[in-house]
C-alpha atoms as a PDB file:
ATOM      1  CA  MET A   1     104.209  84.426  -3.984  1.00  0.00           C
ATOM      2  CA  ASN A   2     101.833  85.764  -1.375  1.00  0.00           C
ATOM      3  CA  GLN A   3      98.666  87.747  -2.036  1.00  0.00           C
ATOM      4  CA  PRO A   4      99.936  91.371  -1.698  1.00  0.00           C
ATOM      5  CA  ASN A   5     102.813  90.760  -4.111  1.00  0.00           C
ATOM      6  CA  ASN A   6     100.464  89.117  -6.571  1.00  0.00           C
ATOM      7  CA  SER A   7      97.938  91.970  -6.528  1.00  0.00           C
ATOM      8  CA  ARG A   8     100.731  94.536  -6.822  1.00  0.00           C
ATOM      9  CA  ALA A   9     102.063  92.726  -9.860  1.00  0.00           C
ATOM     10  CA  VAL A  10      98.613  92.616 -11.451  1.00  0.00           C
ATOM     11  CA  VAL A  11      98.119  96.368 -10.971  1.00  0.00           C
ATOM     12  CA  TYR A  12     101.588  97.013 -12.411  1.00  0.00           C
ATOM     13  CA  VAL A  13     100.966  94.899 -15.515  1.00  0.00           C
ATOM     14  CA  VAL A  14      97.509  96.416 -16.079  1.00  0.00           C
ATOM     15  CA  VAL A  15      98.854  99.977 -15.894  1.00  0.00           C
ATOM     16  CA  LEU A  16     101.736  99.167 -18.231  1.00  0.00           C
ATOM     17  CA  ALA A  17      99.424  97.432 -20.711  1.00  0.00           C
ATOM     18  CA  LEU A  18      96.896 100.281 -20.601  1.00  0.00           C
ATOM     19  CA  THR A  19      99.668 102.815 -21.183  1.00  0.00           C
ATOM     20  CA  ALA A  20     101.004 100.860 -24.158  1.00  0.00           C
ATOM     21  CA  ILE A  21      97.543 100.400 -25.675  1.00  0.00           C
ATOM     22  CA  VAL A  22      96.631 104.089 -25.306  1.00  0.00           C
ATOM     23  CA  TRP A  23      99.995 105.144 -26.716  1.00  0.00           C
ATOM     24  CA  ILE A  24      99.681 102.871 -29.746  1.00  0.00           C
ATOM     25  CA  LEU A  25      96.049 103.743 -30.463  1.00  0.00           C
ATOM     26  CA  ARG A  26      96.709 107.452 -30.060  1.00  0.00           C
ATOM     27  CA  GLY A  27      99.671 107.146 -32.420  1.00  0.00           C
ATOM     28  CA  LEU A  28      97.472 105.446 -35.006  1.00  0.00           C
ATOM     29  CA  GLY A  29      94.944 108.250 -34.689  1.00  0.00           C
ATOM     30  CA  LEU A  30      92.165 106.194 -33.133  1.00  0.00           C
ATOM     31  CA  PHE A  31      92.426 108.030 -29.811  1.00  0.00           C
ATOM     32  CA  ALA A  32      93.307 111.414 -31.339  1.00  0.00           C
ATOM     33  CA  PHE A  33      90.546 113.033 -29.280  1.00  0.00           C
ATOM     34  CA  LEU A  34      92.351 112.032 -26.073  1.00  0.00           C
ATOM     35  CA  PRO A  35      94.310 114.939 -24.546  1.00  0.00           C
ATOM     36  CA  GLY A  36      98.061 114.507 -24.274  1.00  0.00           C
ATOM     37  CA  PHE A  37      98.105 114.922 -20.516  1.00  0.00           C
ATOM     38  CA  VAL A  38      96.178 111.646 -20.110  1.00  0.00           C
ATOM     39  CA  LEU A  39      99.007 109.785 -21.809  1.00  0.00           C
ATOM     40  CA  TRP A  40     101.572 111.644 -19.697  1.00  0.00           C
ATOM     41  CA  ILE A  41      99.684 110.720 -16.528  1.00  0.00           C
ATOM     42  CA  LEU A  42      99.736 107.046 -17.546  1.00  0.00           C
ATOM     43  CA  ILE A  43     103.445 107.193 -18.372  1.00  0.00           C
ATOM     44  CA  GLY A  44     104.172 108.917 -15.048  1.00  0.00           C
ATOM     45  CA  LEU A  45     102.101 106.363 -13.170  1.00  0.00           C
ATOM     46  CA  SER A  46     104.028 103.567 -14.876  1.00  0.00           C
ATOM     47  CA  ILE A  47     107.337 105.132 -13.860  1.00  0.00           C
ATOM     48  CA  VAL A  48     106.190 105.658 -10.265  1.00  0.00           C
ATOM     49  CA  LEU A  49     104.943 102.067 -10.011  1.00  0.00           C
ATOM     50  CA  THR A  50     108.257 100.808 -11.400  1.00  0.00           C
ATOM     51  CA  ILE A  51     110.182 102.729  -8.750  1.00  0.00           C
ATOM     52  CA  VAL A  52     107.843 101.670  -5.921  1.00  0.00           C
ATOM     53  CA  ASN A  53     107.945  98.007  -6.958  1.00  0.00           C
ATOM     54  CA  GLY A  54     111.737  98.181  -7.176  1.00  0.00           C
ATOM     55  CA  LEU A  55     112.000  99.681  -3.714  1.00  0.00           C
ATOM     56  CA  ILE A  56     109.628  97.115  -2.214  1.00  0.00           C
ATOM     57  CA  GLU A  57     111.555  94.229  -3.788  1.00  0.00           C
ATOM     58  CA  VAL A  58     114.863  95.552  -2.396  1.00  0.00           C
ATOM     59  CA  ARG A  59     113.458  95.608   1.137  1.00  0.00           C
END
């Protein structure tokens, strides 16, 4: 695996992990102060990165 693919994978995993952590902690009430749109932005970013990574892998 060359460097660009590796860094892209790291960014993808970090965004997915951050989204999952925020979602879980907000569900438990620890991040209740966090506005809902922040979670939606993270979920949207995860979806966009999934689509972009899929398109790059197909090429």
